[in-house]
PDB file of N, CA and C in Angstrom:
ATOM      1  N   GLU A   1     107.898  37.157  50.505  1.00  0.00           N
ATOM      2  CA  GLU A   1     108.595  38.107  51.346  1.00  0.00           C
ATOM      3  C   GLU A   1     107.652  38.611  52.427  1.00  0.00           C
ATOM      4  N   VAL A   2     108.217  38.981  53.546  1.00  0.00           N
ATOM      5  CA  VAL A   2     107.440  39.536  54.653  1.00  0.00           C
ATOM      6  C   VAL A   2     107.927  40.953  54.903  1.00  0.00           C
ATOM      7  N   PHE A   3     106.989  41.881  55.008  1.00  0.00           N
ATOM      8  CA  PHE A   3     107.327  43.270  55.274  1.00  0.00           C
ATOM      9  C   PHE A   3     106.717  43.670  56.605  1.00  0.00           C
ATOM     10  N   TYR A   4     107.433  44.470  57.355  1.00  0.00           N
ATOM     11  CA  TYR A   4     106.899  45.028  58.597  1.00  0.00           C
ATOM     12  C   TYR A   4     106.389  46.421  58.274  1.00  0.00           C
ATOM     13  N   CYS A   5     105.116  46.640  58.484  1.00  0.00           N
ATOM     14  CA  CYS A   5     104.523  47.940  58.182  1.00  0.00           C
ATOM     15  C   CYS A   5     103.975  48.561  59.462  1.00  0.00           C
ATOM     16  N   HIS A   6     104.164  49.828  59.595  1.00  0.00           N
ATOM     17  CA  HIS A   6     103.531  50.545  60.696  1.00  0.00           C
ATOM     18  C   HIS A   6     103.252  51.970  60.237  1.00  0.00           C
ATOM     19  N   ARG A   7     102.305  52.564  60.882  1.00  0.00           N
ATOM     20  CA  ARG A   7     101.946  53.945  60.546  1.00  0.00           C
ATOM     21  C   ARG A   7     101.814  54.721  61.844  1.00  0.00           C
ATOM     22  N   PRO A   8     102.874  55.384  62.247  1.00  0.00           N
ATOM     23  CA  PRO A   8     102.793  56.180  63.476  1.00  0.00           C
ATOM     24  C   PRO A   8     101.796  57.323  63.307  1.00  0.00           C
ATOM     25  N   ARG A   9     101.155  57.676  64.387  1.00  0.00           N
ATOM     26  CA  ARG A   9     100.216  58.802  64.367  1.00  0.00           C
ATOM     27  C   ARG A   9     100.979  60.120  64.371  1.00  0.00           C
ATOM     28  N   GLU A  10     100.358  61.129  63.824  1.00  0.00           N
ATOM     29  CA  GLU A  10     100.868  62.503  63.846  1.00  0.00           C
ATOM     30  C   GLU A  10     102.309  62.599  63.342  1.00  0.00           C
ATOM     31  N   VAL A  11     102.533  62.087  62.138  1.00  0.00           N
ATOM     32  CA  VAL A  11     103.850  62.131  61.510  1.00  0.00           C
ATOM     33  C   VAL A  11     103.730  62.885  60.196  1.00  0.00           C
ATOM     34  N   GLN A  12     104.687  63.760  59.944  1.00  0.00           N
ATOM     35  CA  GLN A  12     104.760  64.482  58.681  1.00  0.00           C
ATOM     36  C   GLN A  12     106.041  64.078  57.964  1.00  0.00           C
ATOM     37  N   SER A  13     105.948  63.922  56.661  1.00  0.00           N
ATOM     38  CA  SER A  13     107.150  63.611  55.888  1.00  0.00           C
ATOM     39  C   SER A  13     107.531  64.837  55.060  1.00  0.00           C
ATOM     40  N   LEU A  14     108.819  65.035  54.938  1.00  0.00           N
ATOM     41  CA  LEU A  14     109.348  66.186  54.207  1.00  0.00           C
ATOM     42  C   LEU A  14     110.449  65.720  53.277  1.00  0.00           C
ATOM     43  N   THR A  15     110.516  66.297  52.103  1.00  0.00           N
ATOM     44  CA  THR A  15     111.640  66.072  51.209  1.00  0.00           C
ATOM     45  C   THR A  15     112.562  67.269  51.383  1.00  0.00           C
ATOM     46  N   VAL A  16     113.808  66.992  51.708  1.00  0.00           N
ATOM     47  CA  VAL A  16     114.755  68.075  51.973  1.00  0.00           C
ATOM     48  C   VAL A  16     115.969  67.956  51.049  1.00  0.00           C
ATOM     49  N   GLN A  17     116.513  69.102  50.685  1.00  0.00           N
ATOM     50  CA  GLN A  17     117.715  69.160  49.858  1.00  0.00           C
ATOM     51  C   GLN A  17     118.895  69.449  50.784  1.00  0.00           C
ATOM     52  N   LEU A  18     119.816  68.506  50.879  1.00  0.00           N
ATOM     53  CA  LEU A  18     121.003  68.699  51.718  1.00  0.00           C
ATOM     54  C   LEU A  18     122.091  69.344  50.866  1.00  0.00           C
ATOM     55  N   LYS A  19     122.767  70.333  51.440  1.00  0.00           N
ATOM     56  CA  LYS A  19     123.799  71.075  50.708  1.00  0.00           C
ATOM     57  C   LYS A  19     125.155  70.914  51.385  1.00  0.00           C
ATOM     58  N   GLY A  20     126.201  71.127  50.614  1.00  0.00           N
ATOM     59  CA  GLY A  20     127.552  71.034  51.132  1.00  0.00           C
ATOM     60  C   GLY A  20     127.842  72.144  52.132  1.00  0.00           C
ATOM     61  N   LEU A  21     128.622  71.847  53.159  1.00  0.00           N
ATOM     62  CA  LEU A  21     128.956  72.841  54.179  1.00  0.00           C
ATOM     63  C   LEU A  21     129.899  73.912  53.663  1.00  0.00           C
ATOM     64  N   LYS A  22     130.835  73.531  52.819  1.00  0.00           N
ATOM     65  CA  LYS A  22     131.853  74.479  52.378  1.00  0.00           C
ATOM     66  C   LYS A  22     131.353  75.452  51.325  1.00  0.00           C
ATOM     67  N   ASP A  23     130.688  74.929  50.287  1.00  0.00           N
ATOM     68  CA  ASP A  23     130.309  75.813  49.186  1.00  0.00           C
ATOM     69  C   ASP A  23     128.800  75.938  48.985  1.00  0.00           C
ATOM     70  N   GLY A  24     128.008  75.212  49.736  1.00  0.00           N
ATOM     71  CA  GLY A  24     126.559  75.326  49.649  1.00  0.00           C
ATOM     72  C   GLY A  24     125.934  74.719  48.408  1.00  0.00           C
ATOM     73  N   THR A  25     126.720  73.954  47.642  1.00  0.00           N
ATOM     74  CA  THR A  25     126.150  73.335  46.454  1.00  0.00           C
ATOM     75  C   THR A  25     125.215  72.196  46.853  1.00  0.00           C
ATOM     76  N   PRO A  26     124.153  71.990  46.065  1.00  0.00           N
ATOM     77  CA  PRO A  26     123.223  70.902  46.375  1.00  0.00           C
ATOM     78  C   PRO A  26     123.933  69.560  46.399  1.00  0.00           C
ATOM     79  N   GLY A  27     123.602  68.764  47.388  1.00  0.00           N
ATOM     80  CA  GLY A  27     124.218  67.450  47.517  1.00  0.00           C
ATOM     81  C   GLY A  27     123.237  66.354  47.158  1.00  0.00           C
ATOM     82  N   VAL A  28     122.399  65.985  48.102  1.00  0.00           N
ATOM     83  CA  VAL A  28     121.437  64.909  47.883  1.00  0.00           C
ATOM     84  C   VAL A  28     120.052  65.354  48.356  1.00  0.00           C
ATOM     85  N   THR A  29     119.050  64.681  47.848  1.00  0.00           N
ATOM     86  CA  THR A  29     117.694  64.885  48.320  1.00  0.00           C
ATOM     87  C   THR A  29     117.364  63.726  49.244  1.00  0.00           C
ATOM     88  N   ALA A  30     116.809  64.030  50.396  1.00  0.00           N
ATOM     89  CA  ALA A  30     116.497  63.001  51.393  1.00  0.00           C
ATOM     90  C   ALA A  30     115.067  63.179  51.895  1.00  0.00           C
ATOM     91  N   THR A  31     114.537  62.132  52.506  1.00  0.00           N
ATOM     92  CA  THR A  31     113.218  62.186  53.116  1.00  0.00           C
ATOM     93  C   THR A  31     113.387  62.207  54.623  1.00  0.00           C
ATOM     94  N   ALA A  32     112.745  63.162  55.255  1.00  0.00           N
ATOM     95  CA  ALA A  32     112.774  63.257  56.715  1.00  0.00           C
ATOM     96  C   ALA A  32     111.365  63.006  57.247  1.00  0.00           C
ATOM     97  N   MET A  33     111.284  62.295  58.351  1.00  0.00           N
ATOM     98  CA  MET A  33     110.011  62.036  59.019  1.00  0.00           C
ATOM     99  C   MET A  33     110.018  62.803  60.337  1.00  0.00           C
ATOM    100  N   CYS A  34     108.963  63.559  60.583  1.00  0.00           N
ATOM    101  CA  CYS A  34     108.854  64.340  61.817  1.00  0.00           C
ATOM    102  C   CYS A  34     107.678  63.821  62.638  1.00  0.00           C
ATOM    103  N   HIS A  35     107.996  63.320  63.816  1.00  0.00           N
ATOM    104  CA  HIS A  35     106.978  62.866  64.758  1.00  0.00           C
ATOM    105  C   HIS A  35     106.537  64.112  65.530  1.00  0.00           C
ATOM    106  N   MET A  36     105.319  64.564  65.266  1.00  0.00           N
ATOM    107  CA  MET A  36     104.859  65.841  65.792  1.00  0.00           C
ATOM    108  C   MET A  36     104.413  65.786  67.248  1.00  0.00           C
ATOM    109  N   ASN A  37     104.015  64.625  67.733  1.00  0.00           N
ATOM    110  CA  ASN A  37     103.564  64.492  69.116  1.00  0.00           C
ATOM    111  C   ASN A  37     104.320  63.339  69.763  1.00  0.00           C
ATOM    112  N   THR A  38     105.261  63.667  70.618  1.00  0.00           N
ATOM    113  CA  THR A  38     106.076  62.644  71.282  1.00  0.00           C
ATOM    114  C   THR A  38     105.731  62.532  72.771  1.00  0.00           C
ATOM    115  N   SER A  39     104.543  62.955  73.130  1.00  0.00           N
ATOM    116  CA  SER A  39     104.168  62.991  74.551  1.00  0.00           C
ATOM    117  C   SER A  39     104.074  61.610  75.182  1.00  0.00           C
ATOM    118  N   ASP A  40     103.882  60.552  74.379  1.00  0.00           N
ATOM    119  CA  ASP A  40     103.787  59.217  74.970  1.00  0.00           C
ATOM    120  C   ASP A  40     105.025  58.362  74.711  1.00  0.00           C
ATOM    121  N   TRP A  41     106.120  58.973  74.253  1.00  0.00           N
ATOM    122  CA  TRP A  41     107.359  58.233  74.001  1.00  0.00           C
ATOM    123  C   TRP A  41     108.053  57.874  75.310  1.00  0.00           C
ATOM    124  N   ASP A  42     108.854  56.833  75.248  1.00  0.00           N
ATOM    125  CA  ASP A  42     109.662  56.394  76.385  1.00  0.00           C
ATOM    126  C   ASP A  42     110.685  57.473  76.732  1.00  0.00           C
ATOM    127  N   THR A  43     110.919  57.692  77.990  1.00  0.00           N
ATOM    128  CA  THR A  43     111.851  58.714  78.482  1.00  0.00           C
ATOM    129  C   THR A  43     113.265  58.523  77.929  1.00  0.00           C
ATOM    130  N   ARG A  44     113.662  57.292  77.661  1.00  0.00           N
ATOM    131  CA  ARG A  44     115.022  57.019  77.174  1.00  0.00           C
ATOM    132  C   ARG A  44     115.313  57.718  75.840  1.00  0.00           C
ATOM    133  N   TYR A  45     114.299  57.861  74.983  1.00  0.00           N
ATOM    134  CA  TYR A  45     114.518  58.556  73.708  1.00  0.00           C
ATOM    135  C   TYR A  45     114.977  59.990  73.940  1.00  0.00           C
ATOM    136  N   PHE A  46     114.367  60.650  74.897  1.00  0.00           N
ATOM    137  CA  PHE A  46     114.700  62.056  75.152  1.00  0.00           C
ATOM    138  C   PHE A  46     116.077  62.198  75.783  1.00  0.00           C
ATOM    139  N   GLU A  47     116.472  61.209  76.571  1.00  0.00           N
ATOM    140  CA  GLU A  47     117.817  61.218  77.142  1.00  0.00           C
ATOM    141  C   GLU A  47     118.860  61.065  76.032  1.00  0.00           C
ATOM    142  N   LEU A  48     118.589  60.181  75.064  1.00  0.00           N
ATOM    143  CA  LEU A  48     119.522  59.979  73.949  1.00  0.00           C
ATOM    144  C   LEU A  48     119.591  61.186  73.035  1.00  0.00           C
ATOM    145  N   LEU A  49     118.454  61.838  72.813  1.00  0.00           N
ATOM    146  CA  LEU A  49     118.370  62.937  71.857  1.00  0.00           C
ATOM    147  C   LEU A  49     118.510  64.310  72.486  1.00  0.00           C
ATOM    148  N   ASP A  50     118.629  64.350  73.810  1.00  0.00           N
ATOM    149  CA  ASP A  50     118.692  65.614  74.541  1.00  0.00           C
ATOM    150  C   ASP A  50     117.487  66.487  74.179  1.00  0.00           C
ATOM    151  N   GLY A  51     116.309  65.857  74.230  1.00  0.00           N
ATOM    152  CA  GLY A  51     115.092  66.568  73.859  1.00  0.00           C
ATOM    153  C   GLY A  51     114.108  66.645  75.008  1.00  0.00           C
ATOM    154  N   GLU A  52     112.970  67.236  74.721  1.00  0.00           N
ATOM    155  CA  GLU A  52     111.905  67.426  75.707  1.00  0.00           C
ATOM    156  C   GLU A  52     110.683  66.624  75.279  1.00  0.00           C
ATOM    157  N   ARG A  53     110.020  66.031  76.231  1.00  0.00           N
ATOM    158  CA  ARG A  53     108.802  65.278  75.953  1.00  0.00           C
ATOM    159  C   ARG A  53     107.772  66.192  75.293  1.00  0.00           C
ATOM    160  N   GLY A  54     107.152  65.703  74.231  1.00  0.00           N
ATOM    161  CA  GLY A  54     106.125  66.444  73.533  1.00  0.00           C
ATOM    162  C   GLY A  54     106.607  67.253  72.344  1.00  0.00           C
ATOM    163  N   GLU A  55     107.907  67.590  72.276  1.00  0.00           N
ATOM    164  CA  GLU A  55     108.388  68.385  71.144  1.00  0.00           C
ATOM    165  C   GLU A  55     108.558  67.501  69.910  1.00  0.00           C
ATOM    166  N   PRO A  56     108.416  68.084  68.708  1.00  0.00           N
ATOM    167  CA  PRO A  56     108.611  67.295  67.487  1.00  0.00           C
ATOM    168  C   PRO A  56     110.043  66.761  67.394  1.00  0.00           C
ATOM    169  N   ILE A  57     110.167  65.542  66.895  1.00  0.00           N
ATOM    170  CA  ILE A  57     111.473  64.931  66.672  1.00  0.00           C
ATOM    171  C   ILE A  57     111.492  64.408  65.245  1.00  0.00           C
ATOM    172  N   CYS A  58     112.526  64.816  64.487  1.00  0.00           N
ATOM    173  CA  CYS A  58     112.640  64.435  63.078  1.00  0.00           C
ATOM    174  C   CYS A  58     113.875  63.561  62.877  1.00  0.00           C
ATOM    175  N   HIS A  59     113.791  62.692  61.865  1.00  0.00           N
ATOM    176  CA  HIS A  59     114.935  61.853  61.510  1.00  0.00           C
ATOM    177  C   HIS A  59     114.872  61.562  60.014  1.00  0.00           C
ATOM    178  N   TYR A  60     116.029  61.271  59.447  1.00  0.00           N
ATOM    179  CA  TYR A  60     116.087  60.907  58.033  1.00  0.00           C
ATOM    180  C   TYR A  60     115.762  59.433  57.885  1.00  0.00           C
ATOM    181  N   MET A  61     115.228  59.080  56.736  1.00  0.00           N
ATOM    182  CA  MET A  61     114.903  57.693  56.432  1.00  0.00           C
ATOM    183  C   MET A  61     116.079  57.063  55.688  1.00  0.00           C
ATOM    184  N   PRO A  62     116.436  55.829  56.047  1.00  0.00           N
ATOM    185  CA  PRO A  62     117.502  55.136  55.313  1.00  0.00           C
ATOM    186  C   PRO A  62     117.104  54.933  53.847  1.00  0.00           C
ATOM    187  N   THR A  63     118.077  54.804  52.988  1.00  0.00           N
ATOM    188  CA  THR A  63     117.813  54.695  51.553  1.00  0.00           C
ATOM    189  C   THR A  63     117.094  53.402  51.180  1.00  0.00           C
ATOM    190  N   ASN A  64     117.172  52.375  51.990  1.00  0.00           N
ATOM    191  CA  ASN A  64     116.544  51.106  51.627  1.00  0.00           C
ATOM    192  C   ASN A  64     115.139  50.945  52.222  1.00  0.00           C
ATOM    193  N   TYR A  65     114.569  51.985  52.792  1.00  0.00           N
ATOM    194  CA  TYR A  65     113.215  51.925  53.322  1.00  0.00           C
ATOM    195  C   TYR A  65     112.209  52.212  52.213  1.00  0.00           C
ATOM    196  N   ILE A  66     111.061  51.602  52.309  1.00  0.00           N
ATOM    197  CA  ILE A  66     109.984  51.823  51.362  1.00  0.00           C
ATOM    198  C   ILE A  66     108.846  52.511  52.093  1.00  0.00           C
ATOM    199  N   MET A  67     108.328  53.587  51.502  1.00  0.00           N
ATOM    200  CA  MET A  67     107.202  54.297  52.123  1.00  0.00           C
ATOM    201  C   MET A  67     106.056  54.357  51.139  1.00  0.00           C
ATOM    202  N   PHE A  68     104.854  54.138  51.665  1.00  0.00           N
ATOM    203  CA  PHE A  68     103.631  54.231  50.871  1.00  0.00           C
ATOM    204  C   PHE A  68     102.786  55.340  51.422  1.00  0.00           C
ATOM    205  N   TYR A  69     102.121  56.083  50.564  1.00  0.00           N
ATOM    206  CA  TYR A  69     101.210  57.150  50.985  1.00  0.00           C
ATOM    207  C   TYR A  69      99.854  56.914  50.385  1.00  0.00           C
TER     208      TYR A  69
END
């Protein structure tokens, strides 16, 4: 098997508990990755995300991704 591995600089990972909107009961636990320095990202990312260059941008990881620490 071949795996594509990369390690972005200045990234923090967080485990978050997602809760239901209606009753606030715990739903699922997910992993979020936060890119803390986006100053060298392509401008198109900020247009898609309605964000500002340099601000942290976080996203959830798909369930089939493997992460090593």
